[in-house]
Amino acid sequence: MALLMNQCDIAITAAGTTLYELCAITVPTITYSMSDNQMVPANDFTKDGCCLYAGDCRDNPLFINNITNLMNTLYHDDVVRNSLHQHMKKIHI
């Protein structure tokens, strides 16, 4: 999976153990929650500056807009991408 992830410019993933894998290879990541047990990792990784959080996808009419806006941010903002990269390198697996 690391080989596939390493080919990505950005990743979009639910807030689970995949966040650790993406941090290990420092792929700028947008995360979201889709269950209650993903709320804590989503908030923790976001608070630590390791990813951007698009929100909870359950019953959220703005979820797709959030993803789109965050993708545009990652595409256009080198400072945000570099910040994510630096914070992701600090995560110890």
PDB file of N, CA and C in Angstrom:
ATOM      1  N   MET A   1       0.824  -1.193   0.000  1.00  0.00           N
ATOM      2  CA  MET A   1       0.000   0.000   0.000  1.00  0.00           C
ATOM      3  C   MET A   1       0.866   1.254   0.000  1.00  0.00           C
ATOM      4  N   ALA A   2       2.012   1.201   0.657  1.00  0.00           N
ATOM      5  CA  ALA A   2       2.898   2.362   0.709  1.00  0.00           C
ATOM      6  C   ALA A   2       3.349   2.786  -0.685  1.00  0.00           C
ATOM      7  N   LEU A   3       3.584   1.819  -1.577  1.00  0.00           N
ATOM      8  CA  LEU A   3       3.995   2.154  -2.939  1.00  0.00           C
ATOM      9  C   LEU A   3       2.904   2.935  -3.663  1.00  0.00           C
ATOM     10  N   LEU A   4       1.670   2.512  -3.488  1.00  0.00           N
ATOM     11  CA  LEU A   4       0.546   3.204  -4.104  1.00  0.00           C
ATOM     12  C   LEU A   4       0.380   4.603  -3.495  1.00  0.00           C
ATOM     13  N   MET A   5       0.416   4.674  -2.168  1.00  0.00           N
ATOM     14  CA  MET A   5       0.268   5.964  -1.492  1.00  0.00           C
ATOM     15  C   MET A   5       1.378   6.928  -1.895  1.00  0.00           C
ATOM     16  N   ASN A   6       2.567   6.409  -2.073  1.00  0.00           N
ATOM     17  CA  ASN A   6       3.715   7.247  -2.414  1.00  0.00           C
ATOM     18  C   ASN A   6       3.574   7.907  -3.780  1.00  0.00           C
ATOM     19  N   GLN A   7       2.696   7.405  -4.625  1.00  0.00           N
ATOM     20  CA  GLN A   7       2.469   7.981  -5.942  1.00  0.00           C
ATOM     21  C   GLN A   7       1.427   9.103  -5.918  1.00  0.00           C
ATOM     22  N   CYS A   8       0.818   9.324  -4.760  1.00  0.00           N
ATOM     23  CA  CYS A   8      -0.267  10.302  -4.640  1.00  0.00           C
ATOM     24  C   CYS A   8       0.255  11.691  -4.313  1.00  0.00           C
ATOM     25  N   ASP A   9      -0.378  12.696  -4.888  1.00  0.00           N
ATOM     26  CA  ASP A   9      -0.083  14.085  -4.545  1.00  0.00           C
ATOM     27  C   ASP A   9      -0.812  14.485  -3.268  1.00  0.00           C
ATOM     28  N   ILE A  10      -2.038  13.984  -3.106  1.00  0.00           N
ATOM     29  CA  ILE A  10      -2.812  14.172  -1.876  1.00  0.00           C
ATOM     30  C   ILE A  10      -3.611  12.902  -1.629  1.00  0.00           C
ATOM     31  N   ALA A  11      -4.099  12.770  -0.411  1.00  0.00           N
ATOM     32  CA  ALA A  11      -4.952  11.629  -0.077  1.00  0.00           C
ATOM     33  C   ALA A  11      -6.203  12.133   0.624  1.00  0.00           C
ATOM     34  N   ILE A  12      -7.288  11.429   0.423  1.00  0.00           N
ATOM     35  CA  ILE A  12      -8.540  11.676   1.132  1.00  0.00           C
ATOM     36  C   ILE A  12      -8.919  10.352   1.771  1.00  0.00           C
ATOM     37  N   THR A  13      -9.040  10.350   3.099  1.00  0.00           N
ATOM     38  CA  THR A  13      -9.291   9.097   3.804  1.00  0.00           C
ATOM     39  C   THR A  13     -10.115   9.322   5.056  1.00  0.00           C
ATOM     40  N   ALA A  14     -10.864   8.305   5.419  1.00  0.00           N
ATOM     41  CA  ALA A  14     -11.544   8.337   6.712  1.00  0.00           C
ATOM     42  C   ALA A  14     -10.484   8.314   7.814  1.00  0.00           C
ATOM     43  N   ALA A  15     -10.836   8.831   8.960  1.00  0.00           N
ATOM     44  CA  ALA A  15      -9.888   8.974  10.074  1.00  0.00           C
ATOM     45  C   ALA A  15      -9.709   7.647  10.799  1.00  0.00           C
ATOM     46  N   GLY A  16      -8.816   6.849  10.273  1.00  0.00           N
ATOM     47  CA  GLY A  16      -8.485   5.564  10.888  1.00  0.00           C
ATOM     48  C   GLY A  16      -6.983   5.368  10.863  1.00  0.00           C
ATOM     49  N   THR A  17      -6.560   4.134  10.907  1.00  0.00           N
ATOM     50  CA  THR A  17      -5.127   3.840  10.956  1.00  0.00           C
ATOM     51  C   THR A  17      -4.391   4.263   9.680  1.00  0.00           C
ATOM     52  N   THR A  18      -5.117   4.462   8.600  1.00  0.00           N
ATOM     53  CA  THR A  18      -4.499   4.934   7.364  1.00  0.00           C
ATOM     54  C   THR A  18      -3.810   6.286   7.570  1.00  0.00           C
ATOM     55  N   LEU A  19      -4.295   7.075   8.510  1.00  0.00           N
ATOM     56  CA  LEU A  19      -3.653   8.363   8.781  1.00  0.00           C
ATOM     57  C   LEU A  19      -2.196   8.175   9.211  1.00  0.00           C
ATOM     58  N   TYR A  20      -1.926   7.142   9.986  1.00  0.00           N
ATOM     59  CA  TYR A  20      -0.541   6.867  10.387  1.00  0.00           C
ATOM     60  C   TYR A  20       0.323   6.509   9.180  1.00  0.00           C
ATOM     61  N   GLU A  21      -0.234   5.710   8.289  1.00  0.00           N
ATOM     62  CA  GLU A  21       0.507   5.319   7.091  1.00  0.00           C
ATOM     63  C   GLU A  21       0.811   6.523   6.210  1.00  0.00           C
ATOM     64  N   LEU A  22      -0.168   7.403   6.059  1.00  0.00           N
ATOM     65  CA  LEU A  22       0.041   8.590   5.239  1.00  0.00           C
ATOM     66  C   LEU A  22       1.033   9.550   5.892  1.00  0.00           C
ATOM     67  N   CYS A  23       1.041   9.611   7.210  1.00  0.00           N
ATOM     68  CA  CYS A  23       2.043  10.423   7.911  1.00  0.00           C
ATOM     69  C   CYS A  23       3.438   9.856   7.697  1.00  0.00           C
ATOM     70  N   ALA A  24       3.548   8.550   7.683  1.00  0.00           N
ATOM     71  CA  ALA A  24       4.863   7.920   7.519  1.00  0.00           C
ATOM     72  C   ALA A  24       5.497   8.283   6.185  1.00  0.00           C
ATOM     73  N   ILE A  25       4.671   8.481   5.157  1.00  0.00           N
ATOM     74  CA  ILE A  25       5.229   8.847   3.849  1.00  0.00           C
ATOM     75  C   ILE A  25       4.932  10.303   3.489  1.00  0.00           C
ATOM     76  N   THR A  26       4.353  11.033   4.420  1.00  0.00           N
ATOM     77  CA  THR A  26       4.082  12.481   4.342  1.00  0.00           C
ATOM     78  C   THR A  26       3.305  12.914   3.100  1.00  0.00           C
ATOM     79  N   VAL A  27       2.234  12.211   2.816  1.00  0.00           N
ATOM     80  CA  VAL A  27       1.333  12.620   1.730  1.00  0.00           C
ATOM     81  C   VAL A  27       0.304  13.584   2.333  1.00  0.00           C
ATOM     82  N   PRO A  28       0.196  14.808   1.814  1.00  0.00           N
ATOM     83  CA  PRO A  28      -0.808  15.748   2.329  1.00  0.00           C
ATOM     84  C   PRO A  28      -2.190  15.098   2.297  1.00  0.00           C
ATOM     85  N   THR A  29      -2.887  15.192   3.429  1.00  0.00           N
ATOM     86  CA  THR A  29      -4.099  14.396   3.611  1.00  0.00           C
ATOM     87  C   THR A  29      -5.284  15.227   4.057  1.00  0.00           C
ATOM     88  N   ILE A  30      -6.422  14.912   3.465  1.00  0.00           N
ATOM     89  CA  ILE A  30      -7.716  15.410   3.917  1.00  0.00           C
ATOM     90  C   ILE A  30      -8.406  14.220   4.565  1.00  0.00           C
ATOM     91  N   THR A  31      -8.876  14.413   5.780  1.00  0.00           N
ATOM     92  CA  THR A  31      -9.554  13.313   6.459  1.00  0.00           C
ATOM     93  C   THR A  31     -10.981  13.710   6.801  1.00  0.00           C
ATOM     94  N   TYR A  32     -11.757  12.727   7.145  1.00  0.00           N
ATOM     95  CA  TYR A  32     -13.149  12.935   7.547  1.00  0.00           C
ATOM     96  C   TYR A  32     -13.535  11.807   8.482  1.00  0.00           C
ATOM     97  N   SER A  33     -14.632  11.995   9.170  1.00  0.00           N
ATOM     98  CA  SER A  33     -15.143  10.908  10.015  1.00  0.00           C
ATOM     99  C   SER A  33     -16.443  10.397   9.420  1.00  0.00           C
ATOM    100  N   MET A  34     -16.639   9.099   9.613  1.00  0.00           N
ATOM    101  CA  MET A  34     -17.877   8.483   9.150  1.00  0.00           C
ATOM    102  C   MET A  34     -18.455   7.547  10.204  1.00  0.00           C
ATOM    103  N   SER A  35     -17.854   7.588  11.400  1.00  0.00           N
ATOM    104  CA  SER A  35     -18.372   6.840  12.543  1.00  0.00           C
ATOM    105  C   SER A  35     -17.891   7.533  13.810  1.00  0.00           C
ATOM    106  N   ASP A  36     -18.554   7.253  14.904  1.00  0.00           N
ATOM    107  CA  ASP A  36     -18.215   7.910  16.168  1.00  0.00           C
ATOM    108  C   ASP A  36     -16.782   7.638  16.603  1.00  0.00           C
ATOM    109  N   ASN A  37     -16.290   6.429  16.362  1.00  0.00           N
ATOM    110  CA  ASN A  37     -14.940   6.090  16.818  1.00  0.00           C
ATOM    111  C   ASN A  37     -13.846   6.777  15.994  1.00  0.00           C
ATOM    112  N   GLN A  38     -14.208   7.476  14.934  1.00  0.00           N
ATOM    113  CA  GLN A  38     -13.221   8.211  14.140  1.00  0.00           C
ATOM    114  C   GLN A  38     -13.124   9.684  14.532  1.00  0.00           C
ATOM    115  N   MET A  39     -13.980  10.122  15.413  1.00  0.00           N
ATOM    116  CA  MET A  39     -13.976  11.536  15.801  1.00  0.00           C
ATOM    117  C   MET A  39     -12.687  11.923  16.527  1.00  0.00           C
ATOM    118  N   VAL A  40     -12.241  11.100  17.455  1.00  0.00           N
ATOM    119  CA  VAL A  40     -11.029  11.425  18.223  1.00  0.00           C
ATOM    120  C   VAL A  40      -9.793  11.464  17.324  1.00  0.00           C
ATOM    121  N   PRO A  41      -9.534  10.416  16.509  1.00  0.00           N
ATOM    122  CA  PRO A  41      -8.366  10.517  15.633  1.00  0.00           C
ATOM    123  C   PRO A  41      -8.453  11.697  14.659  1.00  0.00           C
ATOM    124  N   ALA A  42      -9.625  11.952  14.128  1.00  0.00           N
ATOM    125  CA  ALA A  42      -9.778  13.084  13.200  1.00  0.00           C
ATOM    126  C   ALA A  42      -9.401  14.386  13.883  1.00  0.00           C
ATOM    127  N   ASN A  43      -9.910  14.577  15.085  1.00  0.00           N
ATOM    128  CA  ASN A  43      -9.601  15.806  15.816  1.00  0.00           C
ATOM    129  C   ASN A  43      -8.142  15.871  16.235  1.00  0.00           C
ATOM    130  N   ASP A  44      -7.583  14.753  16.696  1.00  0.00           N
ATOM    131  CA  ASP A  44      -6.188  14.743  17.151  1.00  0.00           C
ATOM    132  C   ASP A  44      -5.213  15.017  16.012  1.00  0.00           C
ATOM    133  N   PHE A  45      -5.371  14.336  14.896  1.00  0.00           N
ATOM    134  CA  PHE A  45      -4.461  14.538  13.766  1.00  0.00           C
ATOM    135  C   PHE A  45      -4.592  15.959  13.210  1.00  0.00           C
ATOM    136  N   THR A  46      -5.806  16.484  13.203  1.00  0.00           N
ATOM    137  CA  THR A  46      -6.018  17.844  12.726  1.00  0.00           C
ATOM    138  C   THR A  46      -5.392  18.850  13.683  1.00  0.00           C
ATOM    139  N   LYS A  47      -5.627  18.656  14.973  1.00  0.00           N
ATOM    140  CA  LYS A  47      -5.057  19.552  15.987  1.00  0.00           C
ATOM    141  C   LYS A  47      -3.536  19.550  15.928  1.00  0.00           C
ATOM    142  N   ASP A  48      -2.947  18.398  15.633  1.00  0.00           N
ATOM    143  CA  ASP A  48      -1.495  18.285  15.542  1.00  0.00           C
ATOM    144  C   ASP A  48      -0.947  18.802  14.211  1.00  0.00           C
ATOM    145  N   GLY A  49      -1.815  19.258  13.325  1.00  0.00           N
ATOM    146  CA  GLY A  49      -1.381  19.838  12.056  1.00  0.00           C
ATOM    147  C   GLY A  49      -0.976  18.827  11.005  1.00  0.00           C
ATOM    148  N   CYS A  50      -1.437  17.586  11.163  1.00  0.00           N
ATOM    149  CA  CYS A  50      -1.024  16.513  10.250  1.00  0.00           C
ATOM    150  C   CYS A  50      -1.979  16.295   9.087  1.00  0.00           C
ATOM    151  N   CYS A  51      -3.149  16.878   9.147  1.00  0.00           N
ATOM    152  CA  CYS A  51      -4.115  16.712   8.068  1.00  0.00           C
ATOM    153  C   CYS A  51      -5.136  17.832   8.141  1.00  0.00           C
ATOM    154  N   LEU A  52      -5.945  17.912   7.118  1.00  0.00           N
ATOM    155  CA  LEU A  52      -7.064  18.845   7.083  1.00  0.00           C
ATOM    156  C   LEU A  52      -8.341  18.039   7.278  1.00  0.00           C
ATOM    157  N   TYR A  53      -9.254  18.561   8.068  1.00  0.00           N
ATOM    158  CA  TYR A  53     -10.473  17.828   8.408  1.00  0.00           C
ATOM    159  C   TYR A  53     -11.657  18.392   7.646  1.00  0.00           C
ATOM    160  N   ALA A  54     -12.339  17.529   6.910  1.00  0.00           N
ATOM    161  CA  ALA A  54     -13.503  17.931   6.106  1.00  0.00           C
ATOM    162  C   ALA A  54     -14.816  17.781   6.856  1.00  0.00           C
ATOM    163  N   GLY A  55     -14.777  17.208   8.048  1.00  0.00           N
ATOM    164  CA  GLY A  55     -15.987  17.048   8.846  1.00  0.00           C
ATOM    165  C   GLY A  55     -16.501  15.625   8.837  1.00  0.00           C
ATOM    166  N   ASP A  56     -17.638  15.469   9.464  1.00  0.00           N
ATOM    167  CA  ASP A  56     -18.310  14.183   9.547  1.00  0.00           C
ATOM    168  C   ASP A  56     -19.200  14.052   8.317  1.00  0.00           C
ATOM    169  N   CYS A  57     -19.029  12.981   7.566  1.00  0.00           N
ATOM    170  CA  CYS A  57     -19.776  12.835   6.306  1.00  0.00           C
ATOM    171  C   CYS A  57     -21.227  12.413   6.513  1.00  0.00           C
ATOM    172  N   ARG A  58     -21.567  11.990   7.712  1.00  0.00           N
ATOM    173  CA  ARG A  58     -22.939  11.555   7.973  1.00  0.00           C
ATOM    174  C   ARG A  58     -23.864  12.767   8.061  1.00  0.00           C
ATOM    175  N   ASP A  59     -24.854  12.789   7.240  1.00  0.00           N
ATOM    176  CA  ASP A  59     -25.881  13.844   7.279  1.00  0.00           C
ATOM    177  C   ASP A  59     -25.284  15.242   7.276  1.00  0.00           C
ATOM    178  N   ASN A  60     -24.234  15.455   6.491  1.00  0.00           N
ATOM    179  CA  ASN A  60     -23.594  16.762   6.395  1.00  0.00           C
ATOM    180  C   ASN A  60     -23.749  17.259   4.965  1.00  0.00           C
ATOM    181  N   PRO A  61     -24.677  18.176   4.710  1.00  0.00           N
ATOM    182  CA  PRO A  61     -24.907  18.631   3.336  1.00  0.00           C
ATOM    183  C   PRO A  61     -23.728  19.394   2.744  1.00  0.00           C
ATOM    184  N   LEU A  62     -22.806  19.860   3.581  1.00  0.00           N
ATOM    185  CA  LEU A  62     -21.646  20.607   3.085  1.00  0.00           C
ATOM    186  C   LEU A  62     -20.404  19.739   2.919  1.00  0.00           C
ATOM    187  N   PHE A  63     -20.519  18.449   3.148  1.00  0.00           N
ATOM    188  CA  PHE A  63     -19.351  17.585   3.137  1.00  0.00           C
ATOM    189  C   PHE A  63     -18.587  17.630   1.813  1.00  0.00           C
ATOM    190  N   ILE A  64     -19.261  17.477   0.701  1.00  0.00           N
ATOM    191  CA  ILE A  64     -18.594  17.493  -0.608  1.00  0.00           C
ATOM    192  C   ILE A  64     -17.962  18.861  -0.860  1.00  0.00           C
ATOM    193  N   ASN A  65     -18.651  19.926  -0.488  1.00  0.00           N
ATOM    194  CA  ASN A  65     -18.069  21.268  -0.620  1.00  0.00           C
ATOM    195  C   ASN A  65     -16.808  21.396   0.227  1.00  0.00           C
ATOM    196  N   ASN A  66     -16.828  20.850   1.435  1.00  0.00           N
ATOM    197  CA  ASN A  66     -15.648  20.888   2.299  1.00  0.00           C
ATOM    198  C   ASN A  66     -14.470  20.176   1.646  1.00  0.00           C
ATOM    199  N   ILE A  67     -14.721  18.996   1.097  1.00  0.00           N
ATOM    200  CA  ILE A  67     -13.660  18.238   0.419  1.00  0.00           C
ATOM    201  C   ILE A  67     -13.105  19.053  -0.748  1.00  0.00           C
ATOM    202  N   THR A  68     -13.990  19.604  -1.549  1.00  0.00           N
ATOM    203  CA  THR A  68     -13.577  20.385  -2.713  1.00  0.00           C
ATOM    204  C   THR A  68     -12.748  21.597  -2.310  1.00  0.00           C
ATOM    205  N   ASN A  69     -13.190  22.313  -1.301  1.00  0.00           N
ATOM    206  CA  ASN A  69     -12.458  23.494  -0.839  1.00  0.00           C
ATOM    207  C   ASN A  69     -11.087  23.129  -0.297  1.00  0.00           C
ATOM    208  N   LEU A  70     -11.016  22.036   0.452  1.00  0.00           N
ATOM    209  CA  LEU A  70      -9.720  21.614   1.002  1.00  0.00           C
ATOM    210  C   LEU A  70      -8.784  21.124  -0.100  1.00  0.00           C
ATOM    211  N   MET A  71      -9.328  20.458  -1.115  1.00  0.00           N
ATOM    212  CA  MET A  71      -8.501  20.050  -2.255  1.00  0.00           C
ATOM    213  C   MET A  71      -7.930  21.284  -2.957  1.00  0.00           C
ATOM    214  N   ASN A  72      -8.742  22.304  -3.123  1.00  0.00           N
ATOM    215  CA  ASN A  72      -8.267  23.545  -3.738  1.00  0.00           C
ATOM    216  C   ASN A  72      -7.186  24.194  -2.880  1.00  0.00           C
ATOM    217  N   THR A  73      -7.365  24.159  -1.575  1.00  0.00           N
ATOM    218  CA  THR A  73      -6.345  24.701  -0.674  1.00  0.00           C
ATOM    219  C   THR A  73      -5.027  23.970  -0.867  1.00  0.00           C
ATOM    220  N   LEU A  74      -5.068  22.651  -0.870  1.00  0.00           N
ATOM    221  CA  LEU A  74      -3.832  21.883  -1.036  1.00  0.00           C
ATOM    222  C   LEU A  74      -3.207  22.102  -2.410  1.00  0.00           C
ATOM    223  N   TYR A  75      -4.021  22.286  -3.408  1.00  0.00           N
ATOM    224  CA  TYR A  75      -3.509  22.507  -4.762  1.00  0.00           C
ATOM    225  C   TYR A  75      -2.804  23.860  -4.887  1.00  0.00           C
ATOM    226  N   HIS A  76      -3.376  24.877  -4.255  1.00  0.00           N
ATOM    227  CA  HIS A  76      -2.891  26.244  -4.455  1.00  0.00           C
ATOM    228  C   HIS A  76      -1.970  26.775  -3.364  1.00  0.00           C
ATOM    229  N   ASP A  77      -1.911  26.140  -2.213  1.00  0.00           N
ATOM    230  CA  ASP A  77      -1.205  26.737  -1.076  1.00  0.00           C
ATOM    231  C   ASP A  77       0.003  25.893  -0.655  1.00  0.00           C
ATOM    232  N   ASP A  78       1.176  26.295  -1.141  1.00  0.00           N
ATOM    233  CA  ASP A  78       2.412  25.591  -0.795  1.00  0.00           C
ATOM    234  C   ASP A  78       2.695  25.638   0.702  1.00  0.00           C
ATOM    235  N   VAL A  79       2.335  26.724   1.351  1.00  0.00           N
ATOM    236  CA  VAL A  79       2.590  26.870   2.786  1.00  0.00           C
ATOM    237  C   VAL A  79       1.812  25.814   3.566  1.00  0.00           C
ATOM    238  N   VAL A  80       0.566  25.601   3.217  1.00  0.00           N
ATOM    239  CA  VAL A  80      -0.247  24.585   3.902  1.00  0.00           C
ATOM    240  C   VAL A  80       0.336  23.197   3.661  1.00  0.00           C
ATOM    241  N   ARG A  81       0.663  22.889   2.418  1.00  0.00           N
ATOM    242  CA  ARG A  81       1.239  21.574   2.111  1.00  0.00           C
ATOM    243  C   ARG A  81       2.547  21.350   2.874  1.00  0.00           C
ATOM    244  N   ASN A  82       3.409  22.357   2.889  1.00  0.00           N
ATOM    245  CA  ASN A  82       4.680  22.222   3.607  1.00  0.00           C
ATOM    246  C   ASN A  82       4.477  22.080   5.107  1.00  0.00           C
ATOM    247  N   SER A  83       3.513  22.796   5.641  1.00  0.00           N
ATOM    248  CA  SER A  83       3.207  22.673   7.067  1.00  0.00           C
ATOM    249  C   SER A  83       2.731  21.262   7.405  1.00  0.00           C
ATOM    250  N   LEU A  84       1.823  20.723   6.592  1.00  0.00           N
ATOM    251  CA  LEU A  84       1.361  19.351   6.805  1.00  0.00           C
ATOM    252  C   LEU A  84       2.541  18.389   6.750  1.00  0.00           C
ATOM    253  N   HIS A  85       3.383  18.567   5.770  1.00  0.00           N
ATOM    254  CA  HIS A  85       4.550  17.697   5.605  1.00  0.00           C
ATOM    255  C   HIS A  85       5.419  17.714   6.865  1.00  0.00           C
ATOM    256  N   GLN A  86       5.707  18.883   7.378  1.00  0.00           N
ATOM    257  CA  GLN A  86       6.561  18.998   8.570  1.00  0.00           C
ATOM    258  C   GLN A  86       5.915  18.364   9.798  1.00  0.00           C
ATOM    259  N   HIS A  87       4.623  18.583   9.974  1.00  0.00           N
ATOM    260  CA  HIS A  87       3.936  17.998  11.131  1.00  0.00           C
ATOM    261  C   HIS A  87       3.807  16.486  11.012  1.00  0.00           C
ATOM    262  N   MET A  88       3.585  16.003   9.803  1.00  0.00           N
ATOM    263  CA  MET A  88       3.446  14.562   9.589  1.00  0.00           C
ATOM    264  C   MET A  88       4.732  13.830   9.925  1.00  0.00           C
ATOM    265  N   LYS A  89       5.878  14.452   9.645  1.00  0.00           N
ATOM    266  CA  LYS A  89       7.175  13.812   9.934  1.00  0.00           C
ATOM    267  C   LYS A  89       7.375  13.603  11.436  1.00  0.00           C
ATOM    268  N   LYS A  90       6.645  14.344  12.256  1.00  0.00           N
ATOM    269  CA  LYS A  90       6.828  14.265  13.714  1.00  0.00           C
ATOM    270  C   LYS A  90       5.991  13.161  14.362  1.00  0.00           C
ATOM    271  N   ILE A  91       5.073  12.570  13.607  1.00  0.00           N
ATOM    272  CA  ILE A  91       4.217  11.509  14.156  1.00  0.00           C
ATOM    273  C   ILE A  91       5.059  10.238  14.294  1.00  0.00           C
ATOM    274  N   HIS A  92       5.041   9.670  15.477  1.00  0.00           N
ATOM    275  CA  HIS A  92       5.787   8.432  15.727  1.00  0.00           C
ATOM    276  C   HIS A  92       4.824   7.247  15.692  1.00  0.00           C
ATOM    277  N   ILE A  93       5.155   6.319  14.870  1.00  0.00           N
ATOM    278  CA  ILE A  93       4.276   5.158  14.678  1.00  0.00           C
ATOM    279  C   ILE A  93       4.731   4.031  15.576  1.00  0.00           C
TER     280      ILE A  93
END
